[in-house]
PDB file of all heavy atoms in Angstrom:
ATOM      1  N   LEU A   1      66.939 -60.502   8.536  1.00  0.00           N
ATOM      2  CA  LEU A   1      67.485 -59.169   8.793  1.00  0.00           C
ATOM      3  C   LEU A   1      66.804 -58.458   9.943  1.00  0.00           C
ATOM      4  O   LEU A   1      67.426 -57.620  10.609  1.00  0.00           O
ATOM      5  CB  LEU A   1      67.360 -58.309   7.528  1.00  0.00           C
ATOM      6  CG  LEU A   1      68.257 -58.676   6.333  1.00  0.00           C
ATOM      7  CD1 LEU A   1      68.021 -57.702   5.199  1.00  0.00           C
ATOM      8  CD2 LEU A   1      69.724 -58.678   6.723  1.00  0.00           C
ATOM      9  N   ASN A   2      65.548 -58.763  10.175  1.00  0.00           N
ATOM     10  CA  ASN A   2      64.764 -57.969  11.138  1.00  0.00           C
ATOM     11  C   ASN A   2      64.376 -58.726  12.390  1.00  0.00           C
ATOM     12  O   ASN A   2      63.513 -58.298  13.138  1.00  0.00           O
ATOM     13  CB  ASN A   2      63.489 -57.463  10.449  1.00  0.00           C
ATOM     14  CG  ASN A   2      63.807 -56.726   9.154  1.00  0.00           C
ATOM     15  OD1 ASN A   2      63.631 -57.250   8.061  1.00  0.00           O
ATOM     16  ND2 ASN A   2      64.322 -55.505   9.280  1.00  0.00           N
ATOM     17  N   GLY A   3      64.994 -59.869  12.629  1.00  0.00           N
ATOM     18  CA  GLY A   3      64.701 -60.659  13.806  1.00  0.00           C
ATOM     19  C   GLY A   3      64.292 -62.056  13.420  1.00  0.00           C
ATOM     20  O   GLY A   3      63.628 -62.279  12.398  1.00  0.00           O
ATOM     21  N   LEU A   4      64.673 -63.025  14.222  1.00  0.00           N
ATOM     22  CA  LEU A   4      64.412 -64.428  13.942  1.00  0.00           C
ATOM     23  C   LEU A   4      62.931 -64.699  13.742  1.00  0.00           C
ATOM     24  O   LEU A   4      62.108 -64.397  14.618  1.00  0.00           O
ATOM     25  CB  LEU A   4      64.947 -65.295  15.085  1.00  0.00           C
ATOM     26  CG  LEU A   4      64.698 -66.795  15.007  1.00  0.00           C
ATOM     27  CD1 LEU A   4      65.399 -67.384  13.792  1.00  0.00           C
ATOM     28  CD2 LEU A   4      65.127 -67.476  16.281  1.00  0.00           C
ATOM     29  N   GLY A   5      62.579 -65.234  12.573  1.00  0.00           N
ATOM     30  CA  GLY A   5      61.194 -65.603  12.298  1.00  0.00           C
ATOM     31  C   GLY A   5      60.277 -64.448  11.972  1.00  0.00           C
ATOM     32  O   GLY A   5      59.088 -64.681  11.726  1.00  0.00           O
ATOM     33  N   LEU A   6      60.781 -63.214  11.971  1.00  0.00           N
ATOM     34  CA  LEU A   6      59.924 -62.051  11.721  1.00  0.00           C
ATOM     35  C   LEU A   6      59.932 -61.714  10.230  1.00  0.00           C
ATOM     36  O   LEU A   6      60.884 -62.039   9.513  1.00  0.00           O
ATOM     37  CB  LEU A   6      60.436 -60.850  12.542  1.00  0.00           C
ATOM     38  CG  LEU A   6      60.407 -61.041  14.063  1.00  0.00           C
ATOM     39  CD1 LEU A   6      60.888 -59.759  14.740  1.00  0.00           C
ATOM     40  CD2 LEU A   6      59.018 -61.420  14.561  1.00  0.00           C
ATOM     41  N   PRO A   7      58.882 -61.042   9.757  1.00  0.00           N
ATOM     42  CA  PRO A   7      58.783 -60.715   8.333  1.00  0.00           C
ATOM     43  C   PRO A   7      59.933 -59.822   7.871  1.00  0.00           C
ATOM     44  O   PRO A   7      60.442 -58.982   8.621  1.00  0.00           O
ATOM     45  CB  PRO A   7      57.441 -59.979   8.220  1.00  0.00           C
ATOM     46  CG  PRO A   7      56.653 -60.439   9.421  1.00  0.00           C
ATOM     47  CD  PRO A   7      57.666 -60.659  10.500  1.00  0.00           C
ATOM     48  N   PHE A   8      60.323 -60.016   6.633  1.00  0.00           N
ATOM     49  CA  PHE A   8      61.365 -59.186   6.026  1.00  0.00           C
ATOM     50  C   PHE A   8      60.846 -57.769   5.791  1.00  0.00           C
ATOM     51  O   PHE A   8      59.739 -57.580   5.287  1.00  0.00           O
ATOM     52  CB  PHE A   8      61.774 -59.826   4.688  1.00  0.00           C
ATOM     53  CG  PHE A   8      62.751 -58.989   3.891  1.00  0.00           C
ATOM     54  CD1 PHE A   8      64.102 -59.049   4.158  1.00  0.00           C
ATOM     55  CD2 PHE A   8      62.292 -58.160   2.886  1.00  0.00           C
ATOM     56  CE1 PHE A   8      64.990 -58.289   3.419  1.00  0.00           C
ATOM     57  CE2 PHE A   8      63.183 -57.404   2.133  1.00  0.00           C
ATOM     58  CZ  PHE A   8      64.542 -57.448   2.411  1.00  0.00           C
ATOM     59  N   GLN A   9      61.631 -56.798   6.201  1.00  0.00           N
ATOM     60  CA  GLN A   9      61.283 -55.385   5.995  1.00  0.00           C
ATOM     61  C   GLN A   9      62.298 -54.775   5.048  1.00  0.00           C
ATOM     62  O   GLN A   9      63.472 -54.665   5.389  1.00  0.00           O
ATOM     63  CB  GLN A   9      61.241 -54.639   7.325  1.00  0.00           C
ATOM     64  CG  GLN A   9      60.171 -55.150   8.299  1.00  0.00           C
ATOM     65  CD  GLN A   9      60.192 -54.405   9.617  1.00  0.00           C
ATOM     66  OE1 GLN A   9      60.756 -53.324   9.721  1.00  0.00           O
ATOM     67  NE2 GLN A   9      59.575 -54.988  10.631  1.00  0.00           N
ATOM     68  N   ASP A  10      61.839 -54.340   3.915  1.00  0.00           N
ATOM     69  CA  ASP A  10      62.744 -53.813   2.897  1.00  0.00           C
ATOM     70  C   ASP A  10      62.971 -52.331   3.108  1.00  0.00           C
ATOM     71  O   ASP A  10      62.297 -51.686   3.907  1.00  0.00           O
ATOM     72  CB  ASP A  10      62.162 -54.073   1.495  1.00  0.00           C
ATOM     73  CG  ASP A  10      63.212 -53.954   0.413  1.00  0.00           C
ATOM     74  OD1 ASP A  10      64.401 -53.891   0.765  1.00  0.00           O
ATOM     75  OD2 ASP A  10      62.849 -53.931  -0.773  1.00  0.00           O
ATOM     76  N   GLY A  11      63.913 -51.819   2.351  1.00  0.00           N
ATOM     77  CA  GLY A  11      64.138 -50.376   2.376  1.00  0.00           C
ATOM     78  C   GLY A  11      65.212 -49.978   3.374  1.00  0.00           C
ATOM     79  O   GLY A  11      65.807 -50.818   4.051  1.00  0.00           O
ATOM     80  N   PRO A  12      65.463 -48.683   3.498  1.00  0.00           N
ATOM     81  CA  PRO A  12      66.506 -48.201   4.419  1.00  0.00           C
ATOM     82  C   PRO A  12      66.216 -48.624   5.857  1.00  0.00           C
ATOM     83  O   PRO A  12      65.072 -48.698   6.280  1.00  0.00           O
ATOM     84  CB  PRO A  12      66.423 -46.667   4.256  1.00  0.00           C
ATOM     85  CG  PRO A  12      65.756 -46.456   2.941  1.00  0.00           C
ATOM     86  CD  PRO A  12      64.809 -47.599   2.764  1.00  0.00           C
ATOM     87  N   TRP A  13      67.256 -48.923   6.603  1.00  0.00           N
ATOM     88  CA  TRP A  13      67.155 -49.296   7.997  1.00  0.00           C
ATOM     89  C   TRP A  13      67.688 -48.169   8.851  1.00  0.00           C
ATOM     90  O   TRP A  13      68.486 -47.343   8.413  1.00  0.00           O
ATOM     91  CB  TRP A  13      67.913 -50.584   8.271  1.00  0.00           C
ATOM     92  CG  TRP A  13      69.359 -50.487   7.954  1.00  0.00           C
ATOM     93  CD1 TRP A  13      70.394 -50.195   8.805  1.00  0.00           C
ATOM     94  CD2 TRP A  13      69.969 -50.618   6.667  1.00  0.00           C
ATOM     95  NE1 TRP A  13      71.586 -50.127   8.149  1.00  0.00           N
ATOM     96  CE2 TRP A  13      71.363 -50.395   6.842  1.00  0.00           C
ATOM     97  CE3 TRP A  13      69.475 -50.907   5.384  1.00  0.00           C
ATOM     98  CZ2 TRP A  13      72.242 -50.458   5.770  1.00  0.00           C
ATOM     99  CZ3 TRP A  13      70.371 -50.971   4.331  1.00  0.00           C
ATOM    100  CH2 TRP A  13      71.727 -50.747   4.526  1.00  0.00           C
ATOM    101  N   ASP A  14      67.262 -48.141  10.093  1.00  0.00           N
ATOM    102  CA  ASP A  14      67.684 -47.099  11.008  1.00  0.00           C
ATOM    103  C   ASP A  14      69.124 -47.375  11.469  1.00  0.00           C
ATOM    104  O   ASP A  14      69.350 -48.391  12.142  1.00  0.00           O
ATOM    105  CB  ASP A  14      66.742 -47.051  12.205  1.00  0.00           C
ATOM    106  CG  ASP A  14      67.084 -45.911  13.167  1.00  0.00           C
ATOM    107  OD1 ASP A  14      68.067 -45.171  12.911  1.00  0.00           O
ATOM    108  OD2 ASP A  14      66.355 -45.770  14.168  1.00  0.00           O
ATOM    109  N   PRO A  15      70.084 -46.531  11.146  1.00  0.00           N
ATOM    110  CA  PRO A  15      71.460 -46.794  11.579  1.00  0.00           C
ATOM    111  C   PRO A  15      71.638 -46.753  13.088  1.00  0.00           C
ATOM    112  O   PRO A  15      72.628 -47.211  13.619  1.00  0.00           O
ATOM    113  CB  PRO A  15      72.263 -45.679  10.881  1.00  0.00           C
ATOM    114  CG  PRO A  15      71.262 -44.593  10.603  1.00  0.00           C
ATOM    115  CD  PRO A  15      69.967 -45.284  10.359  1.00  0.00           C
ATOM    116  N   LYS A  16      70.634 -46.181  13.785  1.00  0.00           N
ATOM    117  CA  LYS A  16      70.707 -46.120  15.246  1.00  0.00           C
ATOM    118  C   LYS A  16      70.022 -47.319  15.899  1.00  0.00           C
ATOM    119  O   LYS A  16      70.028 -47.426  17.124  1.00  0.00           O
ATOM    120  CB  LYS A  16      70.070 -44.807  15.742  1.00  0.00           C
ATOM    121  CG  LYS A  16      70.801 -43.571  15.286  1.00  0.00           C
ATOM    122  CD  LYS A  16      70.144 -42.304  15.836  1.00  0.00           C
ATOM    123  CE  LYS A  16      70.883 -41.053  15.387  1.00  0.00           C
ATOM    124  NZ  LYS A  16      70.242 -39.805  15.921  1.00  0.00           N
ATOM    125  N   ASP A  17      69.417 -48.185  15.086  1.00  0.00           N
ATOM    126  CA  ASP A  17      68.780 -49.374  15.628  1.00  0.00           C
ATOM    127  C   ASP A  17      69.869 -50.390  15.984  1.00  0.00           C
ATOM    128  O   ASP A  17      70.424 -51.066  15.097  1.00  0.00           O
ATOM    129  CB  ASP A  17      67.808 -49.963  14.588  1.00  0.00           C
ATOM    130  CG  ASP A  17      67.109 -51.221  15.088  1.00  0.00           C
ATOM    131  OD1 ASP A  17      67.351 -51.612  16.257  1.00  0.00           O
ATOM    132  OD2 ASP A  17      66.342 -51.830  14.319  1.00  0.00           O
ATOM    133  N   GLN A  18      70.164 -50.512  17.258  1.00  0.00           N
ATOM    134  CA  GLN A  18      71.274 -51.369  17.713  1.00  0.00           C
ATOM    135  C   GLN A  18      70.990 -52.851  17.481  1.00  0.00           C
ATOM    136  O   GLN A  18      71.876 -53.688  17.689  1.00  0.00           O
ATOM    137  CB  GLN A  18      71.555 -51.118  19.185  1.00  0.00           C
ATOM    138  CG  GLN A  18      71.999 -49.714  19.501  1.00  0.00           C
ATOM    139  CD  GLN A  18      72.362 -49.522  20.960  1.00  0.00           C
ATOM    140  OE1 GLN A  18      72.433 -50.496  21.721  1.00  0.00           O
ATOM    141  NE2 GLN A  18      72.582 -48.286  21.364  1.00  0.00           N
ATOM    142  N   PHE A  19      69.750 -53.194  17.103  1.00  0.00           N
ATOM    143  CA  PHE A  19      69.384 -54.602  16.977  1.00  0.00           C
ATOM    144  C   PHE A  19      69.113 -55.023  15.533  1.00  0.00           C
ATOM    145  O   PHE A  19      68.641 -56.132  15.314  1.00  0.00           O
ATOM    146  CB  PHE A  19      68.176 -54.904  17.862  1.00  0.00           C
ATOM    147  CG  PHE A  19      68.459 -54.737  19.330  1.00  0.00           C
ATOM    148  CD1 PHE A  19      68.229 -53.514  19.970  1.00  0.00           C
ATOM    149  CD2 PHE A  19      68.963 -55.770  20.080  1.00  0.00           C
ATOM    150  CE1 PHE A  19      68.494 -53.344  21.303  1.00  0.00           C
ATOM    151  CE2 PHE A  19      69.244 -55.623  21.429  1.00  0.00           C
ATOM    152  CZ  PHE A  19      69.007 -54.400  22.047  1.00  0.00           C
ATOM    153  N   HIS A  20      69.417 -54.172  14.579  1.00  0.00           N
ATOM    154  CA  HIS A  20      69.244 -54.553  13.180  1.00  0.00           C
ATOM    155  C   HIS A  20      70.452 -55.383  12.751  1.00  0.00           C
ATOM    156  O   HIS A  20      71.572 -55.175  13.215  1.00  0.00           O
ATOM    157  CB  HIS A  20      69.121 -53.326  12.283  1.00  0.00           C
ATOM    158  CG  HIS A  20      68.639 -53.643  10.910  1.00  0.00           C
ATOM    159  ND1 HIS A  20      69.485 -54.114   9.904  1.00  0.00           N
ATOM    160  CD2 HIS A  20      67.401 -53.594  10.350  1.00  0.00           C
ATOM    161  CE1 HIS A  20      68.787 -54.318   8.802  1.00  0.00           C
ATOM    162  NE2 HIS A  20      67.525 -54.018   9.042  1.00  0.00           N
ATOM    163  N   TRP A  21      70.220 -56.315  11.839  1.00  0.00           N
ATOM    164  CA  TRP A  21      71.268 -57.241  11.399  1.00  0.00           C
ATOM    165  C   TRP A  21      72.489 -56.506  10.894  1.00  0.00           C
ATOM    166  O   TRP A  21      73.635 -56.908  11.156  1.00  0.00           O
ATOM    167  CB  TRP A  21      70.685 -58.138  10.288  1.00  0.00           C
ATOM    168  CG  TRP A  21      71.535 -59.326   9.947  1.00  0.00           C
ATOM    169  CD1 TRP A  21      71.476 -60.578  10.514  1.00  0.00           C
ATOM    170  CD2 TRP A  21      72.558 -59.405   8.951  1.00  0.00           C
ATOM    171  NE1 TRP A  21      72.396 -61.419   9.922  1.00  0.00           N
ATOM    172  CE2 TRP A  21      73.071 -60.706   8.948  1.00  0.00           C
ATOM    173  CE3 TRP A  21      73.093 -58.485   8.043  1.00  0.00           C
ATOM    174  CZ2 TRP A  21      74.092 -61.128   8.097  1.00  0.00           C
ATOM    175  CZ3 TRP A  21      74.095 -58.896   7.193  1.00  0.00           C
ATOM    176  CH2 TRP A  21      74.596 -60.204   7.222  1.00  0.00           C
ATOM    177  N   PHE A  22      72.317 -55.399  10.182  1.00  0.00           N
ATOM    178  CA  PHE A  22      73.419 -54.647   9.640  1.00  0.00           C
ATOM    179  C   PHE A  22      74.218 -53.896  10.690  1.00  0.00           C
ATOM    180  O   PHE A  22      75.307 -53.393  10.411  1.00  0.00           O
ATOM    181  CB  PHE A  22      72.950 -53.650   8.575  1.00  0.00           C
ATOM    182  CG  PHE A  22      72.515 -54.288   7.282  1.00  0.00           C
ATOM    183  CD1 PHE A  22      71.357 -53.889   6.649  1.00  0.00           C
ATOM    184  CD2 PHE A  22      73.277 -55.301   6.704  1.00  0.00           C
ATOM    185  CE1 PHE A  22      70.957 -54.473   5.460  1.00  0.00           C
ATOM    186  CE2 PHE A  22      72.890 -55.884   5.517  1.00  0.00           C
ATOM    187  CZ  PHE A  22      71.734 -55.476   4.888  1.00  0.00           C
ATOM    188  N   ASN A  23      73.662 -53.802  11.887  1.00  0.00           N
ATOM    189  CA  ASN A  23      74.315 -53.005  12.925  1.00  0.00           C
ATOM    190  C   ASN A  23      74.921 -53.841  14.063  1.00  0.00           C
ATOM    191  O   ASN A  23      75.336 -53.300  15.070  1.00  0.00           O
ATOM    192  CB  ASN A  23      73.305 -52.008  13.537  1.00  0.00           C
ATOM    193  CG  ASN A  23      72.794 -51.001  12.527  1.00  0.00           C
ATOM    194  OD1 ASN A  23      73.482 -50.702  11.549  1.00  0.00           O
ATOM    195  ND2 ASN A  23      71.594 -50.511  12.745  1.00  0.00           N
ATOM    196  N   ARG A  24      74.955 -55.158  13.891  1.00  0.00           N
ATOM    197  CA  ARG A  24      75.473 -56.042  14.942  1.00  0.00           C
ATOM    198  C   ARG A  24      76.875 -56.535  14.572  1.00  0.00           C
ATOM    199  O   ARG A  24      77.195 -56.789  13.409  1.00  0.00           O
ATOM    200  CB  ARG A  24      74.558 -57.243  15.155  1.00  0.00           C
ATOM    201  CG  ARG A  24      73.153 -56.884  15.577  1.00  0.00           C
ATOM    202  CD  ARG A  24      73.129 -56.134  16.909  1.00  0.00           C
ATOM    203  NE  ARG A  24      73.476 -57.005  18.033  1.00  0.00           N
ATOM    204  CZ  ARG A  24      73.574 -56.548  19.285  1.00  0.00           C
ATOM    205  NH1 ARG A  24      73.404 -55.266  19.560  1.00  0.00           N
ATOM    206  NH2 ARG A  24      73.873 -57.385  20.258  1.00  0.00           N
ATOM    207  N   VAL A  25      77.726 -56.682  15.583  1.00  0.00           N
ATOM    208  CA  VAL A  25      79.097 -57.118  15.383  1.00  0.00           C
ATOM    209  C   VAL A  25      79.164 -58.570  14.913  1.00  0.00           C
ATOM    210  O   VAL A  25      79.870 -58.903  13.954  1.00  0.00           O
ATOM    211  CB  VAL A  25      79.911 -56.938  16.691  1.00  0.00           C
ATOM    212  CG1 VAL A  25      81.158 -57.802  16.668  1.00  0.00           C
ATOM    213  CG2 VAL A  25      80.302 -55.479  16.862  1.00  0.00           C
ATOM    214  N   TRP A  26      78.424 -59.463  15.574  1.00  0.00           N
ATOM    215  CA  TRP A  26      78.553 -60.877  15.272  1.00  0.00           C
ATOM    216  C   TRP A  26      78.126 -61.219  13.846  1.00  0.00           C
ATOM    217  O   TRP A  26      78.620 -62.163  13.241  1.00  0.00           O
ATOM    218  CB  TRP A  26      77.769 -61.724  16.265  1.00  0.00           C
ATOM    219  CG  TRP A  26      78.480 -61.958  17.564  1.00  0.00           C
ATOM    220  CD1 TRP A  26      78.111 -61.526  18.803  1.00  0.00           C
ATOM    221  CD2 TRP A  26      79.705 -62.688  17.757  1.00  0.00           C
ATOM    222  NE1 TRP A  26      79.022 -61.918  19.759  1.00  0.00           N
ATOM    223  CE2 TRP A  26      80.009 -62.633  19.134  1.00  0.00           C
ATOM    224  CE3 TRP A  26      80.565 -63.352  16.900  1.00  0.00           C
ATOM    225  CZ2 TRP A  26      81.156 -63.239  19.672  1.00  0.00           C
ATOM    226  CZ3 TRP A  26      81.705 -63.950  17.436  1.00  0.00           C
ATOM    227  CH2 TRP A  26      81.979 -63.896  18.798  1.00  0.00           C
ATOM    228  N   THR A  27      77.162 -60.472  13.308  1.00  0.00           N
ATOM    229  CA  THR A  27      76.704 -60.807  11.959  1.00  0.00           C
ATOM    230  C   THR A  27      77.763 -60.510  10.892  1.00  0.00           C
ATOM    231  O   THR A  27      77.646 -60.961   9.767  1.00  0.00           O
ATOM    232  CB  THR A  27      75.417 -60.040  11.622  1.00  0.00           C
ATOM    233  OG1 THR A  27      75.619 -58.625  11.749  1.00  0.00           O
ATOM    234  CG2 THR A  27      74.285 -60.460  12.542  1.00  0.00           C
ATOM    235  N   LEU A  28      78.803 -59.771  11.279  1.00  0.00           N
ATOM    236  CA  LEU A  28      79.868 -59.501  10.324  1.00  0.00           C
ATOM    237  C   LEU A  28      80.551 -60.787   9.895  1.00  0.00           C
ATOM    238  O   LEU A  28      80.877 -60.970   8.718  1.00  0.00           O
ATOM    239  CB  LEU A  28      80.884 -58.527  10.935  1.00  0.00           C
ATOM    240  CG  LEU A  28      81.932 -57.936  10.006  1.00  0.00           C
ATOM    241  CD1 LEU A  28      81.289 -57.131   8.904  1.00  0.00           C
ATOM    242  CD2 LEU A  28      82.924 -57.096  10.784  1.00  0.00           C
ATOM    243  N   GLN A  29      80.821 -61.709  10.838  1.00  0.00           N
ATOM    244  CA  GLN A  29      81.455 -62.962  10.461  1.00  0.00           C
ATOM    245  C   GLN A  29      80.433 -63.964   9.909  1.00  0.00           C
ATOM    246  O   GLN A  29      80.805 -65.018   9.394  1.00  0.00           O
ATOM    247  CB  GLN A  29      82.191 -63.580  11.659  1.00  0.00           C
ATOM    248  CG  GLN A  29      81.315 -64.210  12.706  1.00  0.00           C
ATOM    249  CD  GLN A  29      82.126 -65.123  13.633  1.00  0.00           C
ATOM    250  OE1 GLN A  29      83.318 -65.312  13.496  1.00  0.00           O
ATOM    251  NE2 GLN A  29      81.434 -65.722  14.590  1.00  0.00           N
ATOM    252  N   GLU A  30      79.145 -63.635  10.032  1.00  0.00           N
ATOM    253  CA  GLU A  30      78.118 -64.527   9.496  1.00  0.00           C
ATOM    254  C   GLU A  30      77.672 -64.118   8.099  1.00  0.00           C
ATOM    255  O   GLU A  30      76.871 -64.804   7.480  1.00  0.00           O
ATOM    256  CB  GLU A  30      76.899 -64.508  10.439  1.00  0.00           C
ATOM    257  CG  GLU A  30      77.210 -64.993  11.840  1.00  0.00           C
ATOM    258  CD  GLU A  30      76.069 -64.745  12.822  1.00  0.00           C
ATOM    259  OE1 GLU A  30      74.989 -64.316  12.365  1.00  0.00           O
ATOM    260  OE2 GLU A  30      76.254 -64.962  14.037  1.00  0.00           O
ATOM    261  N   ALA A  31      78.193 -62.964   7.608  1.00  0.00           N
ATOM    262  CA  ALA A  31      77.791 -62.468   6.282  1.00  0.00           C
ATOM    263  C   ALA A  31      78.136 -63.478   5.207  1.00  0.00           C
ATOM    264  O   ALA A  31      79.303 -63.818   5.039  1.00  0.00           O
ATOM    265  CB  ALA A  31      78.459 -61.130   6.009  1.00  0.00           C
ATOM    266  N   PRO A  32      77.153 -63.978   4.465  1.00  0.00           N
ATOM    267  CA  PRO A  32      77.407 -65.072   3.510  1.00  0.00           C
ATOM    268  C   PRO A  32      77.733 -64.570   2.105  1.00  0.00           C
ATOM    269  O   PRO A  32      77.470 -63.428   1.753  1.00  0.00           O
ATOM    270  CB  PRO A  32      76.068 -65.802   3.488  1.00  0.00           C
ATOM    271  CG  PRO A  32      75.062 -64.704   3.689  1.00  0.00           C
ATOM    272  CD  PRO A  32      75.715 -63.663   4.579  1.00  0.00           C
ATOM    273  N   ARG A  33      78.336 -65.452   1.327  1.00  0.00           N
ATOM    274  CA  ARG A  33      78.485 -65.189  -0.113  1.00  0.00           C
ATOM    275  C   ARG A  33      77.165 -65.439  -0.812  1.00  0.00           C
ATOM    276  O   ARG A  33      76.858 -64.790  -1.801  1.00  0.00           O
ATOM    277  CB  ARG A  33      79.532 -66.115  -0.725  1.00  0.00           C
ATOM    278  CG  ARG A  33      81.015 -65.944  -0.296  1.00  0.00           C
ATOM    279  CD  ARG A  33      81.466 -64.576   0.042  1.00  0.00           C
ATOM    280  NE  ARG A  33      82.926 -64.468  -0.011  1.00  0.00           N
ATOM    281  CZ  ARG A  33      83.674 -64.087   1.000  1.00  0.00           C
ATOM    282  NH1 ARG A  33      83.117 -63.828   2.182  1.00  0.00           N
ATOM    283  NH2 ARG A  33      84.973 -63.966   0.861  1.00  0.00           N
ATOM    284  N   ARG A  34      76.400 -66.410  -0.295  1.00  0.00           N
ATOM    285  CA  ARG A  34      75.057 -66.685  -0.828  1.00  0.00           C
ATOM    286  C   ARG A  34      74.077 -66.630   0.326  1.00  0.00           C
ATOM    287  O   ARG A  34      74.335 -67.175   1.386  1.00  0.00           O
ATOM    288  CB  ARG A  34      75.008 -68.064  -1.483  1.00  0.00           C
ATOM    289  CG  ARG A  34      75.668 -68.171  -2.833  1.00  0.00           C
ATOM    290  CD  ARG A  34      75.711 -69.594  -3.320  1.00  0.00           C
ATOM    291  NE  ARG A  34      74.372 -70.190  -3.435  1.00  0.00           N
ATOM    292  CZ  ARG A  34      74.159 -71.502  -3.407  1.00  0.00           C
ATOM    293  NH1 ARG A  34      75.160 -72.352  -3.240  1.00  0.00           N
ATOM    294  NH2 ARG A  34      72.928 -71.950  -3.545  1.00  0.00           N
ATOM    295  N   ALA A  35      72.984 -65.932   0.116  1.00  0.00           N
ATOM    296  CA  ALA A  35      72.001 -65.749   1.184  1.00  0.00           C
ATOM    297  C   ALA A  35      70.627 -66.260   0.763  1.00  0.00           C
ATOM    298  O   ALA A  35      70.235 -66.093  -0.402  1.00  0.00           O
ATOM    299  CB  ALA A  35      71.901 -64.275   1.595  1.00  0.00           C
ATOM    300  N   ILE A  36      69.932 -66.865   1.702  1.00  0.00           N
ATOM    301  CA  ILE A  36      68.524 -67.195   1.557  1.00  0.00           C
ATOM    302  C   ILE A  36      67.783 -66.336   2.556  1.00  0.00           C
ATOM    303  O   ILE A  36      67.993 -66.450   3.761  1.00  0.00           O
ATOM    304  CB  ILE A  36      68.251 -68.691   1.831  1.00  0.00           C
ATOM    305  CG1 ILE A  36      69.032 -69.568   0.874  1.00  0.00           C
ATOM    306  CG2 ILE A  36      66.760 -68.976   1.708  1.00  0.00           C
ATOM    307  CD1 ILE A  36      68.915 -71.056   1.158  1.00  0.00           C
ATOM    308  N   PHE A  37      66.951 -65.416   2.072  1.00  0.00           N
ATOM    309  CA  PHE A  37      66.290 -64.471   2.951  1.00  0.00           C
ATOM    310  C   PHE A  37      65.099 -65.120   3.651  1.00  0.00           C
ATOM    311  O   PHE A  37      64.200 -65.667   3.006  1.00  0.00           O
ATOM    312  CB  PHE A  37      65.815 -63.227   2.167  1.00  0.00           C
ATOM    313  CG  PHE A  37      66.916 -62.285   1.854  1.00  0.00           C
ATOM    314  CD1 PHE A  37      67.578 -62.325   0.631  1.00  0.00           C
ATOM    315  CD2 PHE A  37      67.328 -61.332   2.775  1.00  0.00           C
ATOM    316  CE1 PHE A  37      68.601 -61.458   0.329  1.00  0.00           C
ATOM    317  CE2 PHE A  37      68.354 -60.454   2.483  1.00  0.00           C
ATOM    318  CZ  PHE A  37      68.998 -60.524   1.259  1.00  0.00           C
ATOM    319  N   GLY A  38      65.104 -65.064   4.978  1.00  0.00           N
ATOM    320  CA  GLY A  38      63.977 -65.506   5.761  1.00  0.00           C
ATOM    321  C   GLY A  38      62.969 -64.372   5.922  1.00  0.00           C
ATOM    322  O   GLY A  38      63.332 -63.188   5.903  1.00  0.00           O
ATOM    323  N   GLY A  39      61.696 -64.726   6.061  1.00  0.00           N
ATOM    324  CA  GLY A  39      60.660 -63.731   6.255  1.00  0.00           C
ATOM    325  C   GLY A  39      60.224 -63.052   4.982  1.00  0.00           C
ATOM    326  O   GLY A  39      59.377 -62.151   5.018  1.00  0.00           O
TER     327      GLY A  39
END
């Protein structure tokens, strides 16, 4: 969620952060039914 290979950061994310996983267009089609969290 927070960058390739970087530690997982829990909690609310900045909606203005253009580089967060939840705020990127391409990750919309990558959203899985089952997820393995990295970091």
